[in-house]
Each structure stands twice: as C-alpha cells, then as structure tokens.
C-alpha cells in the first residue's frame, strides 16, 4: 500500500498513561519506537518533545471517553491530528494479535486508512460545553418545578389546576406568601394576582385550602431555593453564551429567521 504519511504516530490514551508508537522509514526500512507517557501536563510536554525529536508530522488517537480531549488540546497546532472512531478502526482487517493499539493506529494512519472524526475548533468546543451545561440545568429546573407541583398536589393544594403557569408572576407571588407563612389570606391575593387572574380570585383562594404540613413546607422551601439558584445560574450561563456567540452574530440572526428557531436553539445548531 502507498505510504501517505512517512513520519506518523499512533496514541493509545488511557486514564493515567499514553502509549505512543512512532513509525518512520530509514534506509528503506520501517523504524518503530514505542514509548509510554504520563497524562499529567508534564507527560504531555514530554510526549510533544518526543514527537518532535522523531520528526512526526501526523498523529492519530481514538475518541475514547473524555481522555483524548486534553491530549488533543495540548498537541493541537503542533502536529496534524486525526481523531478516530474506535469502532471503525476495529473493523479494518489485517491486525495481528501481537500488535498494540498504538502501533495499529500508527500503521493505519501511515497508509491513510483512518477517517477523521469532525472536531470543531476550540471556540465552538467552548460554546458546546456551555450549551450542554445549560441544557442539563434546564432539565434539572423542570424536574424541581415538577417536584414542587407534586408536593402541592399531595397536600391537596390545587393551585396548578387554576393557574396556567404556576411559576408565572402571579404564581410566584402566591408561592412566596405560601412558603413564608404556610397559608395565604384572601385579602393578600389582590396583591399577588396579576391581569385577568384577578377575576379568578375566589377559585385561586379555594385551590389553596389544602393541608400543608411542616414537613411539606420545609420540603417546598428547599425545592424553591434550588429553583431560584438554577434560574440564577441559567441566566448567568445565558449571558456567557451571548458573549461566545458575538463573533457569529450574523449566522445566529440568519438561523433565527427560520420558524421556531430561537437564540438558544441557534447556538447548538
């Protein structure tokens, strides 16, 4: 087979170590050297020095777990990197049982038999980290709100049946009074309700006549604190995502012209 990359290396990345195999040709003979490095930053520096000493220009590694990420980030910009799909590497025929993973990756790379997995540039990787974190927090926020509704229902507080949005302005006002004292006076509802909900004052008051115990009140207060904290964190991460999106403002605005696509959706497309 044709040699595509004369001086290349394969990396087998583990939690604490990296096994590296460098291949090159010298006087018509294929030379091989295998070395093990630590995954600590010093070890990554030693790996880079070793690759440079051997004149390696192309390096491949498997995309296993998250262990490849710091190695990829450290070597990026110094050598041409190929991130390989582990399943596709295993399906390439011809591997001998005594060949290490690092050597097999190096041999495949040498002959151009590894398809590169797409790795977005660093700014997009950073954006992905925050959009995924936001998605996780939004999921947690929905779960906590559902727990609050379940606790209210279990105590026969039917507020969610009367309000279309329990966590809208009126709902929050009522919940704040309820969690503070354990009940809401009928006269206080005028201060809590907004807009058309004022016409439902009696229905809202009737829905609040449940049997909240001290145990349930304490549970609701803890859940509500978590809801407020998650909302604060989501707002903070939203602001950071906005800053990361600034260089792509034109593309984001174009995506938002599509029906149903909002800013947060455009950020993950």
C-alpha atoms as a PDB file:
ATOM      1  CA  UNK A   1       0.000   0.000   0.000  1.00  0.00           C
ATOM      2  CA  UNK A   2       1.038   3.569  -0.616  1.00  0.00           C
ATOM      3  CA  UNK A   3       2.556   5.480   2.283  1.00  0.00           C
ATOM      4  CA  UNK A   4       0.590   8.677   2.861  1.00  0.00           C
ATOM      5  CA  UNK A   5       2.309   9.973   5.992  1.00  0.00           C
ATOM      6  CA  UNK A   6       6.005   8.910   6.165  1.00  0.00           C
ATOM      7  CA  UNK A   7       6.509  10.094   9.764  1.00  0.00           C
ATOM      8  CA  UNK A   8       3.465   9.449  11.905  1.00  0.00           C
ATOM      9  CA  UNK A   9       2.446   8.199  15.328  1.00  0.00           C
ATOM     10  CA  UNK A  10      -0.485   6.446  16.972  1.00  0.00           C
ATOM     11  CA  UNK A  11      -1.570   7.169  20.528  1.00  0.00           C
ATOM     12  CA  UNK A  12      -3.405   4.805  22.847  1.00  0.00           C
ATOM     13  CA  UNK A  13      -4.783   7.113  25.539  1.00  0.00           C
ATOM     14  CA  UNK A  14      -5.732   5.798  28.978  1.00  0.00           C
ATOM     15  CA  UNK A  15      -6.696   7.467  32.250  1.00  0.00           C
ATOM     16  CA  UNK A  16      -3.149   7.787  33.585  1.00  0.00           C
ATOM     17  CA  UNK A  17      -0.896   6.863  30.658  1.00  0.00           C
ATOM     18  CA  UNK A  18      -0.483   7.348  26.930  1.00  0.00           C
ATOM     19  CA  UNK A  19       1.209   4.658  24.847  1.00  0.00           C
ATOM     20  CA  UNK A  20       2.725   6.232  21.738  1.00  0.00           C
ATOM     21  CA  UNK A  21       4.096   4.429  18.684  1.00  0.00           C
ATOM     22  CA  UNK A  22       6.107   6.368  16.106  1.00  0.00           C
ATOM     23  CA  UNK A  23       6.729   4.990  12.601  1.00  0.00           C
ATOM     24  CA  UNK A  24       9.190   6.299  10.020  1.00  0.00           C
ATOM     25  CA  UNK A  25      11.346   4.982   7.211  1.00  0.00           C
ATOM     26  CA  UNK A  26      15.123   4.967   7.321  1.00  0.00           C
ATOM     27  CA  UNK A  27      17.354   3.491   4.606  1.00  0.00           C
ATOM     28  CA  UNK A  28      14.430   1.595   3.145  1.00  0.00           C
ATOM     29  CA  UNK A  29      13.490   0.034   6.484  1.00  0.00           C
ATOM     30  CA  UNK A  30      10.447   0.912   8.587  1.00  0.00           C
ATOM     31  CA  UNK A  31      11.552   2.037  12.034  1.00  0.00           C
ATOM     32  CA  UNK A  32       9.320   1.786  15.082  1.00  0.00           C
ATOM     33  CA  UNK A  33       9.580   3.138  18.599  1.00  0.00           C
ATOM     34  CA  UNK A  34       7.035   2.748  21.381  1.00  0.00           C
ATOM     35  CA  UNK A  35       7.100   4.933  24.478  1.00  0.00           C
ATOM     36  CA  UNK A  36       4.745   5.421  27.440  1.00  0.00           C
ATOM     37  CA  UNK A  37       3.988   8.868  28.876  1.00  0.00           C
ATOM     38  CA  UNK A  38       2.008  10.202  31.805  1.00  0.00           C
ATOM     39  CA  UNK A  39      -1.272  12.028  31.156  1.00  0.00           C
ATOM     40  CA  UNK A  40      -0.145  14.802  33.519  1.00  0.00           C
ATOM     41  CA  UNK A  41       0.757  18.080  31.835  1.00  0.00           C
ATOM     42  CA  UNK A  42       4.463  17.331  32.201  1.00  0.00           C
ATOM     43  CA  UNK A  43       3.906  13.986  30.491  1.00  0.00           C
ATOM     44  CA  UNK A  44       2.107  15.715  27.619  1.00  0.00           C
ATOM     45  CA  UNK A  45       5.054  18.055  27.258  1.00  0.00           C
ATOM     46  CA  UNK A  46       7.428  15.075  27.161  1.00  0.00           C
ATOM     47  CA  UNK A  47       5.190  13.463  24.515  1.00  0.00           C
ATOM     48  CA  UNK A  48       5.329  16.552  22.335  1.00  0.00           C
ATOM     49  CA  UNK A  49       9.133  16.731  22.657  1.00  0.00           C
ATOM     50  CA  UNK A  50       9.373  13.027  21.732  1.00  0.00           C
ATOM     51  CA  UNK A  51       7.185  13.521  18.657  1.00  0.00           C
ATOM     52  CA  UNK A  52       9.258  16.496  17.534  1.00  0.00           C
ATOM     53  CA  UNK A  53      12.515  14.618  18.115  1.00  0.00           C
ATOM     54  CA  UNK A  54      11.246  11.893  15.760  1.00  0.00           C
ATOM     55  CA  UNK A  55      10.039  14.382  13.166  1.00  0.00           C
ATOM     56  CA  UNK A  56       6.438  13.168  13.480  1.00  0.00           C
ATOM     57  CA  UNK A  57       4.060  15.304  11.447  1.00  0.00           C
ATOM     58  CA  UNK A  58       0.788  13.369  11.787  1.00  0.00           C
ATOM     59  CA  UNK A  59      -0.732  11.807  14.909  1.00  0.00           C
ATOM     60  CA  UNK A  60      -3.883   9.726  15.394  1.00  0.00           C
ATOM     61  CA  UNK A  61      -5.781   8.676  18.506  1.00  0.00           C
ATOM     62  CA  UNK A  62      -9.127   7.094  19.354  1.00  0.00           C
ATOM     63  CA  UNK A  63     -12.061   9.133  20.631  1.00  0.00           C
ATOM     64  CA  UNK A  64     -12.499   7.061  23.780  1.00  0.00           C
ATOM     65  CA  UNK A  65     -14.391   8.691  26.659  1.00  0.00           C
ATOM     66  CA  UNK A  66     -13.071  12.143  27.523  1.00  0.00           C
ATOM     67  CA  UNK A  67      -9.425  11.124  27.961  1.00  0.00           C
ATOM     68  CA  UNK A  68      -8.481  12.187  24.444  1.00  0.00           C
ATOM     69  CA  UNK A  69      -9.620  15.797  24.947  1.00  0.00           C
ATOM     70  CA  UNK A  70      -6.676  17.223  26.971  1.00  0.00           C
ATOM     71  CA  UNK A  71      -4.208  15.340  24.749  1.00  0.00           C
ATOM     72  CA  UNK A  72      -5.837  16.692  21.593  1.00  0.00           C
ATOM     73  CA  UNK A  73      -5.943  20.235  23.005  1.00  0.00           C
ATOM     74  CA  UNK A  74      -2.264  20.070  24.038  1.00  0.00           C
ATOM     75  CA  UNK A  75      -0.982  18.795  20.671  1.00  0.00           C
ATOM     76  CA  UNK A  76      -3.310  20.920  18.552  1.00  0.00           C
ATOM     77  CA  UNK A  77      -1.322  23.374  16.453  1.00  0.00           C
ATOM     78  CA  UNK A  78       1.927  21.380  16.652  1.00  0.00           C
ATOM     79  CA  UNK A  79       1.052  18.314  14.572  1.00  0.00           C
ATOM     80  CA  UNK A  80      -1.734  17.284  12.224  1.00  0.00           C
ATOM     81  CA  UNK A  81      -4.215  15.428  14.445  1.00  0.00           C
ATOM     82  CA  UNK A  82      -6.671  12.703  13.494  1.00  0.00           C
ATOM     83  CA  UNK A  83      -9.400  11.688  15.921  1.00  0.00           C
ATOM     84  CA  UNK A  84     -10.544   8.197  15.006  1.00  0.00           C
ATOM     85  CA  UNK A  85     -13.795   6.369  15.646  1.00  0.00           C
ATOM     86  CA  UNK A  86     -12.762   3.263  17.696  1.00  0.00           C
ATOM     87  CA  UNK A  87     -15.382   1.085  16.041  1.00  0.00           C
ATOM     88  CA  UNK A  88     -14.135   1.850  12.530  1.00  0.00           C
ATOM     89  CA  UNK A  89     -10.537   1.125  13.490  1.00  0.00           C
ATOM     90  CA  UNK A  90     -11.524  -2.283  14.847  1.00  0.00           C
ATOM     91  CA  UNK A  91     -13.362  -3.132  11.631  1.00  0.00           C
ATOM     92  CA  UNK A  92     -10.260  -2.657   9.440  1.00  0.00           C
ATOM     93  CA  UNK A  93      -8.973  -6.191   8.611  1.00  0.00           C
ATOM     94  CA  UNK A  94      -5.354  -7.316   8.876  1.00  0.00           C
ATOM     95  CA  UNK A  95      -4.488  -6.694  12.510  1.00  0.00           C
ATOM     96  CA  UNK A  96      -2.236  -9.243  14.196  1.00  0.00           C
ATOM     97  CA  UNK A  97      -2.835 -10.289  17.791  1.00  0.00           C
ATOM     98  CA  UNK A  98       0.609  -9.142  18.978  1.00  0.00           C
ATOM     99  CA  UNK A  99       0.231  -5.598  17.620  1.00  0.00           C
ATOM    100  CA  UNK A 100      -0.510  -2.968  20.294  1.00  0.00           C
ATOM    101  CA  UNK A 101      -3.338  -0.488  19.883  1.00  0.00           C
ATOM    102  CA  UNK A 102      -0.890   2.394  19.429  1.00  0.00           C
ATOM    103  CA  UNK A 103       1.059   0.539  16.727  1.00  0.00           C
ATOM    104  CA  UNK A 104      -2.103  -0.496  14.892  1.00  0.00           C
ATOM    105  CA  UNK A 105      -3.355   3.116  14.887  1.00  0.00           C
ATOM    106  CA  UNK A 106       0.045   4.298  13.614  1.00  0.00           C
ATOM    107  CA  UNK A 107       0.070   1.722  10.796  1.00  0.00           C
ATOM    108  CA  UNK A 108      -3.433   2.645   9.680  1.00  0.00           C
ATOM    109  CA  UNK A 109      -2.572   6.335   9.747  1.00  0.00           C
ATOM    110  CA  UNK A 110       0.644   5.772   7.803  1.00  0.00           C
ATOM    111  CA  UNK A 111      -1.375   4.412   4.881  1.00  0.00           C
ATOM    112  CA  UNK A 112      -4.234   6.903   5.178  1.00  0.00           C
ATOM    113  CA  UNK A 113      -6.748   4.297   6.365  1.00  0.00           C
ATOM    114  CA  UNK A 114      -8.241   6.353   9.205  1.00  0.00           C
ATOM    115  CA  UNK A 115     -11.193   8.609   8.549  1.00  0.00           C
ATOM    116  CA  UNK A 116     -11.014  11.791  10.584  1.00  0.00           C
ATOM    117  CA  UNK A 117     -13.833  12.451  13.023  1.00  0.00           C
ATOM    118  CA  UNK A 118     -15.023  16.039  12.971  1.00  0.00           C
ATOM    119  CA  UNK A 119     -13.553  18.066  15.820  1.00  0.00           C
ATOM    120  CA  UNK A 120     -14.872  21.644  15.873  1.00  0.00           C
ATOM    121  CA  UNK A 121     -12.419  24.489  16.525  1.00  0.00           C
ATOM    122  CA  UNK A 122     -11.723  25.487  20.124  1.00  0.00           C
ATOM    123  CA  UNK A 123     -14.249  28.408  20.252  1.00  0.00           C
ATOM    124  CA  UNK A 124     -17.064  26.091  19.120  1.00  0.00           C
ATOM    125  CA  UNK A 125     -15.976  23.411  21.618  1.00  0.00           C
ATOM    126  CA  UNK A 126     -16.201  26.012  24.378  1.00  0.00           C
ATOM    127  CA  UNK A 127     -19.653  27.066  23.186  1.00  0.00           C
ATOM    128  CA  UNK A 128     -20.781  23.426  23.178  1.00  0.00           C
ATOM    129  CA  UNK A 129     -19.618  22.977  26.766  1.00  0.00           C
ATOM    130  CA  UNK A 130     -21.847  25.818  27.923  1.00  0.00           C
ATOM    131  CA  UNK A 131     -24.875  24.972  25.773  1.00  0.00           C
ATOM    132  CA  UNK A 132     -24.746  21.387  27.092  1.00  0.00           C
ATOM    133  CA  UNK A 133     -24.403  22.657  30.664  1.00  0.00           C
ATOM    134  CA  UNK A 134     -27.396  24.935  30.102  1.00  0.00           C
ATOM    135  CA  UNK A 135     -29.451  22.036  28.753  1.00  0.00           C
ATOM    136  CA  UNK A 136     -28.601  19.973  31.838  1.00  0.00           C
ATOM    137  CA  UNK A 137     -29.581  22.788  34.209  1.00  0.00           C
ATOM    138  CA  UNK A 138     -32.832  23.466  32.320  1.00  0.00           C
ATOM    139  CA  UNK A 139     -33.684  19.782  32.705  1.00  0.00           C
ATOM    140  CA  UNK A 140     -32.949  19.954  36.438  1.00  0.00           C
ATOM    141  CA  UNK A 141     -35.076  23.101  36.717  1.00  0.00           C
ATOM    142  CA  UNK A 142     -38.051  21.378  35.074  1.00  0.00           C
ATOM    143  CA  UNK A 143     -37.633  18.399  37.421  1.00  0.00           C
ATOM    144  CA  UNK A 144     -37.604  20.617  40.518  1.00  0.00           C
ATOM    145  CA  UNK A 145     -40.698  22.502  39.361  1.00  0.00           C
ATOM    146  CA  UNK A 146     -42.471  19.192  38.812  1.00  0.00           C
ATOM    147  CA  UNK A 147     -41.499  18.112  42.331  1.00  0.00           C
ATOM    148  CA  UNK A 148     -42.996  21.302  43.754  1.00  0.00           C
ATOM    149  CA  UNK A 149     -46.257  20.640  41.913  1.00  0.00           C
ATOM    150  CA  UNK A 150     -46.340  17.043  43.191  1.00  0.00           C
ATOM    151  CA  UNK A 151     -45.829  18.147  46.790  1.00  0.00           C
ATOM    152  CA  UNK A 152     -48.623  20.708  46.439  1.00  0.00           C
ATOM    153  CA  UNK A 153     -50.935  18.122  44.895  1.00  0.00           C
ATOM    154  CA  UNK A 154     -50.158  15.602  47.634  1.00  0.00           C
ATOM    155  CA  UNK A 155     -51.292  18.176  50.210  1.00  0.00           C
ATOM    156  CA  UNK A 156     -54.401  18.943  48.097  1.00  0.00           C
ATOM    157  CA  UNK A 157     -53.231  22.443  47.167  1.00  0.00           C
ATOM    158  CA  UNK A 158     -54.728  22.655  43.656  1.00  0.00           C
ATOM    159  CA  UNK A 159     -53.046  25.895  42.600  1.00  0.00           C
ATOM    160  CA  UNK A 160     -51.686  24.287  39.446  1.00  0.00           C
ATOM    161  CA  UNK A 161     -55.232  23.456  38.336  1.00  0.00           C
ATOM    162  CA  UNK A 162     -56.292  27.118  38.445  1.00  0.00           C
ATOM    163  CA  UNK A 163     -53.137  28.836  37.165  1.00  0.00           C
ATOM    164  CA  UNK A 164     -51.986  28.017  33.636  1.00  0.00           C
ATOM    165  CA  UNK A 165     -48.421  28.806  34.737  1.00  0.00           C
ATOM    166  CA  UNK A 166     -47.691  28.060  38.364  1.00  0.00           C
ATOM    167  CA  UNK A 167     -44.291  29.747  38.003  1.00  0.00           C
ATOM    168  CA  UNK A 168     -45.506  32.914  36.298  1.00  0.00           C
ATOM    169  CA  UNK A 169     -45.610  36.254  38.126  1.00  0.00           C
ATOM    170  CA  UNK A 170     -48.892  35.569  39.955  1.00  0.00           C
ATOM    171  CA  UNK A 171     -47.914  32.003  40.803  1.00  0.00           C
ATOM    172  CA  UNK A 172     -44.560  33.076  42.205  1.00  0.00           C
ATOM    173  CA  UNK A 173     -46.186  35.777  44.318  1.00  0.00           C
ATOM    174  CA  UNK A 174     -48.598  33.252  45.797  1.00  0.00           C
ATOM    175  CA  UNK A 175     -45.896  30.629  46.367  1.00  0.00           C
ATOM    176  CA  UNK A 176     -43.720  33.202  48.140  1.00  0.00           C
ATOM    177  CA  UNK A 177     -46.559  34.021  50.594  1.00  0.00           C
ATOM    178  CA  UNK A 178     -47.480  30.355  50.975  1.00  0.00           C
ATOM    179  CA  UNK A 179     -43.922  29.259  51.773  1.00  0.00           C
ATOM    180  CA  UNK A 180     -43.412  32.164  54.148  1.00  0.00           C
ATOM    181  CA  UNK A 181     -46.470  31.566  56.358  1.00  0.00           C
ATOM    182  CA  UNK A 182     -47.919  28.225  55.283  1.00  0.00           C
ATOM    183  CA  UNK A 183     -51.138  29.851  54.085  1.00  0.00           C
ATOM    184  CA  UNK A 184     -52.379  32.845  52.050  1.00  0.00           C
ATOM    185  CA  UNK A 185     -55.145  35.179  53.307  1.00  0.00           C
ATOM    186  CA  UNK A 186     -57.877  36.009  50.838  1.00  0.00           C
ATOM    187  CA  UNK A 187     -57.115  39.724  51.201  1.00  0.00           C
ATOM    188  CA  UNK A 188     -53.475  39.094  50.218  1.00  0.00           C
ATOM    189  CA  UNK A 189     -54.461  37.580  46.873  1.00  0.00           C
ATOM    190  CA  UNK A 190     -55.209  41.028  45.415  1.00  0.00           C
ATOM    191  CA  UNK A 191     -51.531  41.885  45.819  1.00  0.00           C
ATOM    192  CA  UNK A 192     -50.426  38.558  44.354  1.00  0.00           C
ATOM    193  CA  UNK A 193     -52.648  38.253  41.295  1.00  0.00           C
ATOM    194  CA  UNK A 194     -51.943  39.997  38.017  1.00  0.00           C
ATOM    195  CA  UNK A 195     -54.114  40.752  34.970  1.00  0.00           C
ATOM    196  CA  UNK A 196     -57.083  38.510  34.249  1.00  0.00           C
ATOM    197  CA  UNK A 197     -56.279  36.253  37.182  1.00  0.00           C
ATOM    198  CA  UNK A 198     -57.857  38.842  39.484  1.00  0.00           C
ATOM    199  CA  UNK A 199     -61.226  37.667  38.163  1.00  0.00           C
ATOM    200  CA  UNK A 200     -60.356  34.145  39.404  1.00  0.00           C
ATOM    201  CA  UNK A 201     -59.601  35.281  42.950  1.00  0.00           C
ATOM    202  CA  UNK A 202     -62.191  33.002  44.578  1.00  0.00           C
ATOM    203  CA  UNK A 203     -61.077  29.951  42.561  1.00  0.00           C
ATOM    204  CA  UNK A 204     -57.437  30.630  43.424  1.00  0.00           C
ATOM    205  CA  UNK A 205     -58.291  31.008  47.112  1.00  0.00           C
ATOM    206  CA  UNK A 206     -60.296  27.770  47.101  1.00  0.00           C
ATOM    207  CA  UNK A 207     -57.381  25.934  45.462  1.00  0.00           C
ATOM    208  CA  UNK A 208     -55.113  26.971  48.337  1.00  0.00           C
ATOM    209  CA  UNK A 209     -57.240  25.386  51.051  1.00  0.00           C
ATOM    210  CA  UNK A 210     -55.097  22.290  51.370  1.00  0.00           C
ATOM    211  CA  UNK A 211     -53.350  20.676  54.311  1.00  0.00           C
ATOM    212  CA  UNK A 212     -49.686  21.599  54.097  1.00  0.00           C
ATOM    213  CA  UNK A 213     -47.715  20.041  56.955  1.00  0.00           C
ATOM    214  CA  UNK A 214     -44.482  21.453  58.388  1.00  0.00           C
ATOM    215  CA  UNK A 215     -42.650  18.621  56.664  1.00  0.00           C
ATOM    216  CA  UNK A 216     -44.119  19.556  53.271  1.00  0.00           C
ATOM    217  CA  UNK A 217     -43.481  23.259  53.815  1.00  0.00           C
ATOM    218  CA  UNK A 218     -39.816  22.622  54.626  1.00  0.00           C
ATOM    219  CA  UNK A 219     -39.515  20.391  51.563  1.00  0.00           C
ATOM    220  CA  UNK A 220     -41.122  23.063  49.366  1.00  0.00           C
ATOM    221  CA  UNK A 221     -38.805  25.763  50.717  1.00  0.00           C
ATOM    222  CA  UNK A 222     -35.742  23.689  49.885  1.00  0.00           C
ATOM    223  CA  UNK A 223     -37.043  22.938  46.400  1.00  0.00           C
ATOM    224  CA  UNK A 224     -37.857  26.606  45.833  1.00  0.00           C
ATOM    225  CA  UNK A 225     -34.331  27.656  46.870  1.00  0.00           C
ATOM    226  CA  UNK A 226     -32.933  25.207  44.335  1.00  0.00           C
ATOM    227  CA  UNK A 227     -35.280  26.546  41.632  1.00  0.00           C
ATOM    228  CA  UNK A 228     -34.115  30.110  42.278  1.00  0.00           C
ATOM    229  CA  UNK A 229     -30.457  29.055  42.261  1.00  0.00           C
ATOM    230  CA  UNK A 230     -30.864  27.146  38.990  1.00  0.00           C
ATOM    231  CA  UNK A 231     -32.639  30.129  37.410  1.00  0.00           C
ATOM    232  CA  UNK A 232     -29.786  32.390  38.504  1.00  0.00           C
ATOM    233  CA  UNK A 233     -27.181  30.009  37.076  1.00  0.00           C
ATOM    234  CA  UNK A 234     -29.078  29.622  33.791  1.00  0.00           C
ATOM    235  CA  UNK A 235     -29.262  33.399  33.463  1.00  0.00           C
ATOM    236  CA  UNK A 236     -25.510  33.609  34.099  1.00  0.00           C
ATOM    237  CA  UNK A 237     -24.682  30.930  31.529  1.00  0.00           C
ATOM    238  CA  UNK A 238     -27.057  32.601  29.032  1.00  0.00           C
ATOM    239  CA  UNK A 239     -25.034  35.807  29.320  1.00  0.00           C
ATOM    240  CA  UNK A 240     -21.793  33.894  28.770  1.00  0.00           C
ATOM    241  CA  UNK A 241     -23.247  32.095  25.733  1.00  0.00           C
ATOM    242  CA  UNK A 242     -24.228  35.505  24.333  1.00  0.00           C
ATOM    243  CA  UNK A 243     -20.605  36.628  24.611  1.00  0.00           C
ATOM    244  CA  UNK A 244     -19.356  33.460  22.906  1.00  0.00           C
ATOM    245  CA  UNK A 245     -21.909  33.920  20.112  1.00  0.00           C
ATOM    246  CA  UNK A 246     -20.865  37.505  19.381  1.00  0.00           C
ATOM    247  CA  UNK A 247     -18.370  36.551  16.604  1.00  0.00           C
ATOM    248  CA  UNK A 248     -21.174  34.515  14.964  1.00  0.00           C
ATOM    249  CA  UNK A 249     -23.902  37.121  15.344  1.00  0.00           C
ATOM    250  CA  UNK A 250     -24.678  37.235  11.619  1.00  0.00           C
ATOM    251  CA  UNK A 251     -25.046  33.439  11.384  1.00  0.00           C
ATOM    252  CA  UNK A 252     -27.205  33.325  14.527  1.00  0.00           C
ATOM    253  CA  UNK A 253     -29.509  36.051  13.224  1.00  0.00           C
ATOM    254  CA  UNK A 254     -29.855  34.176   9.938  1.00  0.00           C
ATOM    255  CA  UNK A 255     -30.785  30.947  11.745  1.00  0.00           C
ATOM    256  CA  UNK A 256     -33.327  32.812  13.857  1.00  0.00           C
ATOM    257  CA  UNK A 257     -35.233  33.784  10.698  1.00  0.00           C
ATOM    258  CA  UNK A 258     -36.283  30.124  10.464  1.00  0.00           C
ATOM    259  CA  UNK A 259     -39.689  29.346  12.044  1.00  0.00           C
ATOM    260  CA  UNK A 260     -39.333  28.023  15.595  1.00  0.00           C
ATOM    261  CA  UNK A 261     -35.596  28.733  15.887  1.00  0.00           C
ATOM    262  CA  UNK A 262     -34.718  30.924  18.851  1.00  0.00           C
ATOM    263  CA  UNK A 263     -31.323  32.117  20.026  1.00  0.00           C
ATOM    264  CA  UNK A 264     -30.643  29.146  22.313  1.00  0.00           C
ATOM    265  CA  UNK A 265     -31.608  26.725  19.545  1.00  0.00           C
ATOM    266  CA  UNK A 266     -29.382  28.525  17.042  1.00  0.00           C
ATOM    267  CA  UNK A 267     -26.464  28.264  19.481  1.00  0.00           C
ATOM    268  CA  UNK A 268     -26.476  24.457  19.307  1.00  0.00           C
ATOM    269  CA  UNK A 269     -27.131  24.009  15.569  1.00  0.00           C
END
